[in-house]
Amino acid sequence: MFKKINVLLVVFLFILSGCTSLSSSNKWTKTVGIIHNVTKLDDGKFAYSLSYQTEEGKKNSSKPISQHYLGKVQRPINNQKIKMQYLIKEPIVYKLLDPIKYTQKK
């Protein structure tokens, strides 16, 4: 009986230690992104780019990461800055902390 409990306890601790190492590898850091290159497409929709610099990129003087979007119905305000965060180990994965602002339709 005690042997089974010990085995279960060891298995549980092993699983728990794996979960904590996973969560520590999923650390986020904050930055500021900028929306630019807002373009109206032939179909009346919009395309734009969202660029942001990572901490590693700042150290290495490398170019910022750019994400590109097509087919958006609303026109985002060009050159707006947006607070965001990205995964340190996978910097192309990000979350916006501020909403994107769009131009008002007239």
C-alpha atoms as a PDB file:
ATOM      1  CA  MET A   1       0.000   0.000   0.000  1.00  0.00           C
ATOM      2  CA  PHE A   2       2.718   2.477   1.016  1.00  0.00           C
ATOM      3  CA  LYS A   3       4.782   1.439  -1.991  1.00  0.00           C
ATOM      4  CA  LYS A   4       1.904   2.350  -4.338  1.00  0.00           C
ATOM      5  CA  ILE A   5       1.484   5.709  -2.610  1.00  0.00           C
ATOM      6  CA  ASN A   6       5.226   6.410  -2.897  1.00  0.00           C
ATOM      7  CA  VAL A   7       5.204   5.510  -6.591  1.00  0.00           C
ATOM      8  CA  LEU A   8       2.186   7.737  -7.200  1.00  0.00           C
ATOM      9  CA  LEU A   9       3.855  10.555  -5.250  1.00  0.00           C
ATOM     10  CA  VAL A  10       7.045  10.243  -7.319  1.00  0.00           C
ATOM     11  CA  VAL A  11       5.049  10.221 -10.568  1.00  0.00           C
ATOM     12  CA  PHE A  12       3.038  13.244  -9.422  1.00  0.00           C
ATOM     13  CA  LEU A  13       6.209  15.177  -8.494  1.00  0.00           C
ATOM     14  CA  PHE A  14       7.802  14.255 -11.813  1.00  0.00           C
ATOM     15  CA  ILE A  15       4.769  15.558 -13.728  1.00  0.00           C
ATOM     16  CA  LEU A  16       4.642  18.687 -11.575  1.00  0.00           C
ATOM     17  CA  SER A  17       8.327  19.437 -12.190  1.00  0.00           C
ATOM     18  CA  GLY A  18       7.739  19.126 -15.939  1.00  0.00           C
ATOM     19  CA  CYS A  19       4.877  21.606 -15.776  1.00  0.00           C
ATOM     20  CA  THR A  20       6.917  24.181 -13.921  1.00  0.00           C
ATOM     21  CA  SER A  21       9.741  23.977 -16.443  1.00  0.00           C
ATOM     22  CA  LEU A  22       7.222  24.475 -19.229  1.00  0.00           C
ATOM     23  CA  SER A  23       5.759  27.558 -17.607  1.00  0.00           C
ATOM     24  CA  SER A  24       9.191  29.069 -17.003  1.00  0.00           C
ATOM     25  CA  SER A  25      10.005  28.694 -20.714  1.00  0.00           C
ATOM     26  CA  ASN A  26       6.823  30.600 -21.586  1.00  0.00           C
ATOM     27  CA  LYS A  27       7.944  33.946 -20.199  1.00  0.00           C
ATOM     28  CA  TRP A  28       6.607  37.106 -21.811  1.00  0.00           C
ATOM     29  CA  THR A  29       8.273  40.484 -22.081  1.00  0.00           C
ATOM     30  CA  LYS A  30       6.764  43.836 -23.000  1.00  0.00           C
ATOM     31  CA  THR A  31       7.604  46.083 -25.915  1.00  0.00           C
ATOM     32  CA  VAL A  32       5.953  48.673 -28.144  1.00  0.00           C
ATOM     33  CA  GLY A  33       4.868  47.879 -31.682  1.00  0.00           C
ATOM     34  CA  ILE A  34       4.065  50.278 -34.494  1.00  0.00           C
ATOM     35  CA  ILE A  35       1.468  49.884 -37.237  1.00  0.00           C
ATOM     36  CA  HIS A  36       2.739  51.133 -40.574  1.00  0.00           C
ATOM     37  CA  ASN A  37       2.427  50.662 -44.342  1.00  0.00           C
ATOM     38  CA  VAL A  38      -1.370  50.906 -44.172  1.00  0.00           C
ATOM     39  CA  THR A  39      -2.593  50.354 -47.730  1.00  0.00           C
ATOM     40  CA  LYS A  40      -6.031  50.168 -49.302  1.00  0.00           C
ATOM     41  CA  LEU A  41      -6.344  47.064 -51.468  1.00  0.00           C
ATOM     42  CA  ASP A  42      -8.210  46.734 -54.788  1.00  0.00           C
ATOM     43  CA  ASP A  43     -11.151  45.046 -53.037  1.00  0.00           C
ATOM     44  CA  GLY A  44     -11.585  48.024 -50.669  1.00  0.00           C
ATOM     45  CA  LYS A  45     -10.064  46.213 -47.689  1.00  0.00           C
ATOM     46  CA  PHE A  46      -6.792  47.125 -45.996  1.00  0.00           C
ATOM     47  CA  ALA A  47      -3.345  45.692 -45.444  1.00  0.00           C
ATOM     48  CA  TYR A  48      -0.814  46.806 -42.852  1.00  0.00           C
ATOM     49  CA  SER A  49       2.343  45.787 -41.020  1.00  0.00           C
ATOM     50  CA  LEU A  50       2.954  45.565 -37.283  1.00  0.00           C
ATOM     51  CA  SER A  51       6.648  45.820 -36.341  1.00  0.00           C
ATOM     52  CA  TYR A  52       8.325  45.499 -32.957  1.00  0.00           C
ATOM     53  CA  GLN A  53      11.853  45.214 -31.637  1.00  0.00           C
ATOM     54  CA  THR A  54      12.836  42.379 -29.292  1.00  0.00           C
ATOM     55  CA  GLU A  55      15.354  42.719 -26.472  1.00  0.00           C
ATOM     56  CA  GLU A  56      17.676  40.320 -28.311  1.00  0.00           C
ATOM     57  CA  GLY A  57      17.284  42.387 -31.486  1.00  0.00           C
ATOM     58  CA  LYS A  58      18.221  45.559 -29.619  1.00  0.00           C
ATOM     59  CA  LYS A  59      21.401  43.902 -28.307  1.00  0.00           C
ATOM     60  CA  ASN A  60      22.377  42.687 -31.787  1.00  0.00           C
ATOM     61  CA  SER A  61      21.202  45.823 -33.634  1.00  0.00           C
ATOM     62  CA  SER A  62      19.050  43.612 -35.842  1.00  0.00           C
ATOM     63  CA  LYS A  63      15.910  44.611 -37.688  1.00  0.00           C
ATOM     64  CA  PRO A  64      12.560  44.486 -35.899  1.00  0.00           C
ATOM     65  CA  ILE A  65      10.098  41.644 -36.379  1.00  0.00           C
ATOM     66  CA  SER A  66       7.283  42.505 -38.788  1.00  0.00           C
ATOM     67  CA  GLN A  67       3.904  40.801 -38.983  1.00  0.00           C
ATOM     68  CA  HIS A  68       1.766  41.516 -42.062  1.00  0.00           C
ATOM     69  CA  TYR A  69      -2.011  41.548 -42.302  1.00  0.00           C
ATOM     70  CA  LEU A  70      -4.269  41.517 -45.380  1.00  0.00           C
ATOM     71  CA  GLY A  71      -7.994  41.812 -45.923  1.00  0.00           C
ATOM     72  CA  LYS A  72      -8.897  43.926 -42.892  1.00  0.00           C
ATOM     73  CA  VAL A  73     -12.260  45.689 -43.210  1.00  0.00           C
ATOM     74  CA  GLN A  74     -11.320  48.741 -41.124  1.00  0.00           C
ATOM     75  CA  ARG A  75      -8.398  51.073 -41.829  1.00  0.00           C
ATOM     76  CA  PRO A  76      -5.987  51.192 -38.852  1.00  0.00           C
ATOM     77  CA  ILE A  77      -4.412  54.521 -38.001  1.00  0.00           C
ATOM     78  CA  ASN A  78      -0.954  54.607 -39.580  1.00  0.00           C
ATOM     79  CA  ASN A  79       2.137  54.968 -37.347  1.00  0.00           C
ATOM     80  CA  GLN A  80       0.230  54.302 -34.122  1.00  0.00           C
ATOM     81  CA  LYS A  81       2.169  52.783 -31.256  1.00  0.00           C
ATOM     82  CA  ILE A  82       0.693  49.806 -29.435  1.00  0.00           C
ATOM     83  CA  LYS A  83       1.807  48.253 -26.148  1.00  0.00           C
ATOM     84  CA  MET A  84       2.327  44.533 -26.581  1.00  0.00           C
ATOM     85  CA  GLN A  85       4.187  41.532 -25.223  1.00  0.00           C
ATOM     86  CA  TYR A  86       5.918  38.594 -26.885  1.00  0.00           C
ATOM     87  CA  LEU A  87       7.261  35.208 -25.836  1.00  0.00           C
ATOM     88  CA  ILE A  88      10.980  35.452 -25.117  1.00  0.00           C
ATOM     89  CA  LYS A  89      11.706  32.001 -26.567  1.00  0.00           C
ATOM     90  CA  GLU A  90       9.319  32.457 -29.551  1.00  0.00           C
ATOM     91  CA  PRO A  91       9.238  36.200 -30.288  1.00  0.00           C
ATOM     92  CA  ILE A  92       6.879  35.878 -33.260  1.00  0.00           C
ATOM     93  CA  VAL A  93       4.142  34.892 -30.773  1.00  0.00           C
ATOM     94  CA  TYR A  94       2.673  38.068 -29.314  1.00  0.00           C
ATOM     95  CA  LYS A  95      -0.330  39.610 -27.581  1.00  0.00           C
ATOM     96  CA  LEU A  96      -1.561  43.157 -27.991  1.00  0.00           C
ATOM     97  CA  LEU A  97      -2.033  44.964 -24.683  1.00  0.00           C
ATOM     98  CA  ASP A  98      -3.737  47.971 -26.307  1.00  0.00           C
ATOM     99  CA  PRO A  99      -6.498  47.824 -28.900  1.00  0.00           C
ATOM    100  CA  ILE A 100      -5.762  48.865 -32.463  1.00  0.00           C
ATOM    101  CA  LYS A 101      -7.297  52.254 -33.282  1.00  0.00           C
ATOM    102  CA  TYR A 102      -9.089  52.646 -36.593  1.00  0.00           C
ATOM    103  CA  THR A 103     -10.031  55.697 -38.646  1.00  0.00           C
ATOM    104  CA  GLN A 104     -13.617  56.833 -38.317  1.00  0.00           C
ATOM    105  CA  LYS A 105     -15.844  56.282 -41.339  1.00  0.00           C
ATOM    106  CA  LYS A 106     -17.360  59.503 -42.674  1.00  0.00           C
END
